[in-house]
Amino acid sequence: MATIQLHKNLLTTSCSTCIHFRTVSSLIRPSMAQLHSSPLRDISFPFGGFFNKGVDFSNIRFRYRRILGYPSYGRLKTPRLKAGQVCPQLRCSGDGSGCVTSVHSRLRFGLSSPTTVLNCRLGGVNTVMTFSYSGAFSKKYFSQPAEEDIRNRLRMKPFSRRPAKILAATSKKTDSNVEENINGTPVEGLQNSSTNKLKNKAKKTTKKGSTKDESKIKAISSSVSSKPVNGTSKKKESTIEDNVNGIPMEVLTSSSMNRSKKKAEKFIKKGNTIDEISNNAGVKQDSNETHPKQQFISADRSLQKGQQTFKLYPPSGKSVVVVESVTKSKVIQGYLGDMYEVLPSYGHVRDLAARSGSVRPEDDFSMLWEVPSAAWTHLKSIKVALSGATNLILASDPDREGEAIAWHIIEMLQQQNALHPGIRVARVVFHEITEASIKNSLQAPRDIDINLVNAYLGRRALDYLIGFNISPLLWRKLPGCQSAGRVQSAALSLICDREMEIDQFESQEYWTVDAVFGNVKSPSSRSGVYFTSHLAQIDSKRLGQLSISSEKEAKDIEQKLISSTFEVLSSKRSQTRKNPLAPYITSTLQQESANKLHFPATYTMKLAQKLYEGVQLADGKSTGLITYTRTDGLHISDEAIKDIRSLIAKRYGPGYASDGPRKYFKKVKNAQEAHEAIRPTDINRLPSLLVGTLDEDALKLYTLIWLRTLACQMEPAVIDQIQIDIGSSDGYSIFRASCSKIGFLGYQAVHQDVEAAAVSVHENEGIDKDAAFGALNILKAGDRVYISEVKPKQHHTIPPPRYSEGSLVKKLEELGIGRPSTYASTINVLQARSYIAIKSRVLYPEFRGRMVSAFIANHFAEVADYSFTADMETELDNVSAGMTEWKGLLKDYWTRFSKYCNLASNVTIHQVEKMLEDKFGDYLFASLPNRSCPSCLNGTLIFKVSKFGAGYFIGCNQHPRCKYIAKTLYGDDDDNDGTEVDPQRQTTVEEPKLIGMHPSTGEKVLLKVGPYGHYIQLGEDKKSRSPQRASAGHIKDVTSLSLGQALDLLSYPKTLGLHPEDRRPVIIKIARAGFAVKHGKTMAPVPKALEPSNVTLEKAMKILLGPEARHVGRPKSKAKA
């Protein structure tokens, strides 16, 4: 048996790993495995062999899944594994030359020995397995790929590419179904196939010259694939293939790397120079060819991350710069001049089609992209501008979304043959929109970071798969519940779990005892000093919060204290330093803005984006006021720190600047720290200088950022503290008094600055209490003090507070759920879906939201699980770092998630109703302590989902025989926000409500609802005859309707007598707005001041002659001529 051991330095951080096994045997065909770090030692490998020794190793525990077999003397044998035995699983590399296993681990990257290899020999056969734990430990493949896919990956060349001109010269085609050309010509597109690889021809040009130079070999690029159009096959020529599917080069063994290297050298020796290979890598395309509007496309063909050597500033020719917004384009255009044409992309140029099937797991997670009609116009503008241009500069935001926008633009332009062979394509990023920052970024262009693009694709596909699979289930199982999502559901679960804690919380009574002491006996003495302290100890027992639980205990203690004498037992003085807070990141800016400025998270981000993109200053120049707003990095550039410290020394004095630059590091989960913290682009631009330039709210937010940025590089505040213990002479009680004051303002000086007037910031509130501090400071141990007053006070424990927007953002950040840039939109979606309500800046879950949360937690436990959602964020971050293969991640997740979907789809409505009733029974039946049906007297009231519409109700379980409904819900809480509501609208719909029994006939008197409102009905519905009914629509509060009132309404219409002129009856009846009298076709309303029971024949005749009388019924038809 072989023992797998790895170096202990690998067992430090949480990351992902791929191990590549090299073997001459093709018999190993096992499946995938997972690797977990463990302090265990001597872990067995299930086949013979040994590893070399001489290195300090720790161990990795392999969790056993399944092994199909292992080679032994030329034959494949199935291992007999004992219970509890651990081992890895391997998958064949596809060409019989190697095996790969996928693992989860805690491994560190960037080891000092990148070439260290561990060798193992399998028993009895000349089979060597090589472990390369340098670059090989840099990527995790969750799922076993297709054999053909692995075979293609192992043919990749192990050197980087030179993408600047390669990308420009390459015109890639993508699979599609239906697409529209930028010029607007629709055409049938290419047939989609994930298994057919798109191939390009690289034109070979013979040119003599030695090409053994290693740098030239690294510059060779793979040809970009293309596939036949309309059945026209293109002749394939041998090309050197690059890392197409994102497999790290380090997983290749040394022999395969050498083979690829020799191939490249041989290719160059034939006379092809690097530039010629690059310039001839393209494929000629029909200029009349058009492309579909939607296509399935893979990100794996895009450029690899790498710095380019050329500079884009100063300009050497016309350049087209693409940014995301119009505001940024105008500002940057002013910086760069006429040699640059800056155009906006208006955000994403394409997105996943918003319908089922846009992500296809069965087709290697191919994606169906859809191009909005407006995006074609923007792309056409870019295409036109590229005529005669030498550079295309993609300057979208420096994050995943920005990288994806740049990638989408390149893909779309390549499909349209808009990138002519002479154009160079480059990616530039900047973190602030200032002239210096823009020009510096143009001097350091790079390629598109394919890892960031893959992270975007993985996140986009993952969110789509969750949303488009759970949402239809919600529609069917919970009418009116519109959607669910990965981050959205976890955030909703936090809010609903907190509400459940509040519902289950039981308040407890407790008491505290405070006392007022003085250093003189007479309270009227002006020379005395008085202070308040709290009771800390009784009978040598330290008091906790609930130690005094009743008023009686508090009163007994009060009586003993009044008769006691006291003296100072000890006086303790100390000094603490309060450090400034770190500069703002996206999440903390949202929290502070919510807490101090009362801005919603969405509004905060809108204002911050405006400050970032730039405003026109008083001198007519436009500039960005703050750095990039979507960040979780806490660092500040050295140049900015220098300016900040200079302003501190100038404004407050040299003693207020910290001794050296302060560095901050993130302590929350899943921090990326790729960008700077949010800070002003020019710290010397004071908030007062922007009055009149910014509106009131934008100025407040800028001031908040300016103050925090300045404070983060200042000295700590020094706090002087004093604590006095006072004891009774008999040792029965000990009181404690404490106070603090500011000894040195330090960073808190900024909050007393006149510039802080725009915001009400009181960082030192409650700290500076000079008078109270002075009173305690004069006391020393042994001093006699006198008790002046004892103050027992009653309290009750309170439940945990509901989340505000700020506290929810903080909790999401602590748990590592989502990304700071998504928090505002997440809260916005929850509110738009009526899952939560925001009242007085507090988040309340609506009953609809609580139902959704319960459904997801019950049937999709992983989606609502906080740790799983955070771990998924970690994996997506690993994709960004190139450590995780995004399709493998999706496949691993989809394999489990699809099973949840299948199980949930088989759940019946009755099971959902039962689950919700069990979970929310106390809430649903709070006003119905008796669950017996009052209508049929045999049934039980249960929670039901309406078959029509989006309603829920509590009704009889004997339906349809008994149609009694006690309460109807529409997914929202019944309470309102305190504003006046029409009483009729406040009334819950109760259909039918049993008012009582008729005293003569014994029939039920029911309150029901019809198309025209509430009405009273005598008896049940019968086919033989219609029951007697009376309208109750004119009654505002039908819930208080008594049996007597109902019987009175049923007595109408009443005949008051016969009219003396025509002897026709005069009746009083119930009308829509009250009561009315009628005679023939004349009707008049009864005045509201007159009770219907007091209307007589004489009064009715007067009413009929009044001005409000009107003719009713159809007019007589005219006689035919």
Foldseek 3Di string as FASTA:
>chain_A
DEFDWAAPQFADAFFWFKWKKFKQALQFAWFAFAKEADQDGRADAQFDKYKDDDHHTGHIWTADDAGQFDDDQRDTHGGDDDPPRGYGTWHALLPRGIIMYFYGYGTDADDPDQADWIWIQTPPDRIIIITGPHCRGFAGFQGDDDSVVSVVQLLAALAAEAVFLLLLQAQEDFAFAWAAFLVGDTDGAHHDALVDWAQFDFDADAAADQDPDPVQLNHAAWFFGHADTPPDGDDDDDTRHHNQQLDHSSNHDPVSNVVSSVVSRVSVNRHGGSVSRSLRSYHDDDLPDGHGQKGWGDLSRFHAWDWDQAFPPPHPAAEEEEEADPLLQVQVCVLNDDSYRYAHQVFAQKDADPDPPQFDLVRLRTGIIGGDPVNSVRLVVVLVSLVRTAEYEYEYEPALRSLQRLSRSSNSCSNNVSSHSRHTYWYFYFFFWDSVRVNVRSGITIGRHSLSPLLVSLVRSQFCVQWVLVQVLCCVQFPLQGTDGQLLLQLLLVQLVLVVLQVPDDKAKAKWKKFKKWLDADPPDPPIDIDMWTFQDFPNHGDDRRNGRDPVSVVVVQVVVQPFWKFWAFKDKDKDWAAADFAAALLVLQLCCCVFVVDASVVSVVLQVDLRSWFQAPVRRITRFKTHHFADARDDDPVQQVQLLVVCCVPPNNQWFDPDFDHDDDDAALHDNPDYHIATPHLVCFLVRCVVRDDLVSSLSNLVNSLSVSLNRTGTWMKMKMKIWMATPVRRTIIIDMAIATPGCRSVVSCVDPSVPSTNDDPCPRHHDPSNVVSSVVGGGGRTMHTDDMDMDMDMDHRDAADFLSRSSVVCRRLQADGSVCSSVSVVVCVVSQQWDAFPRGTHGFQLVSLVSLLCCVLVVLSNDSNNNNVVSVQSVSSSVSHYSSSSVVVSVCVVVVVSSVVSVPDDSVNSQVSVCVVCVCVQCVVPPDQADPPVRPFGWGWHADPDHSKIFTATPPPPVDGWTAFIGRRGDLDDNPDDDQLQVSDTATAWDFQDADPPPRWTWTWHADPLGIKIFTHDQDPVDGTQIFDPQQPRHPVPQHPVNNVVRSVPFDWQAADPPPRFTWTWHADNNGIWIDDDQKIAHDDPVDDPVPDHPVNNVVRSPDPRIDGDDDDDDDDDD
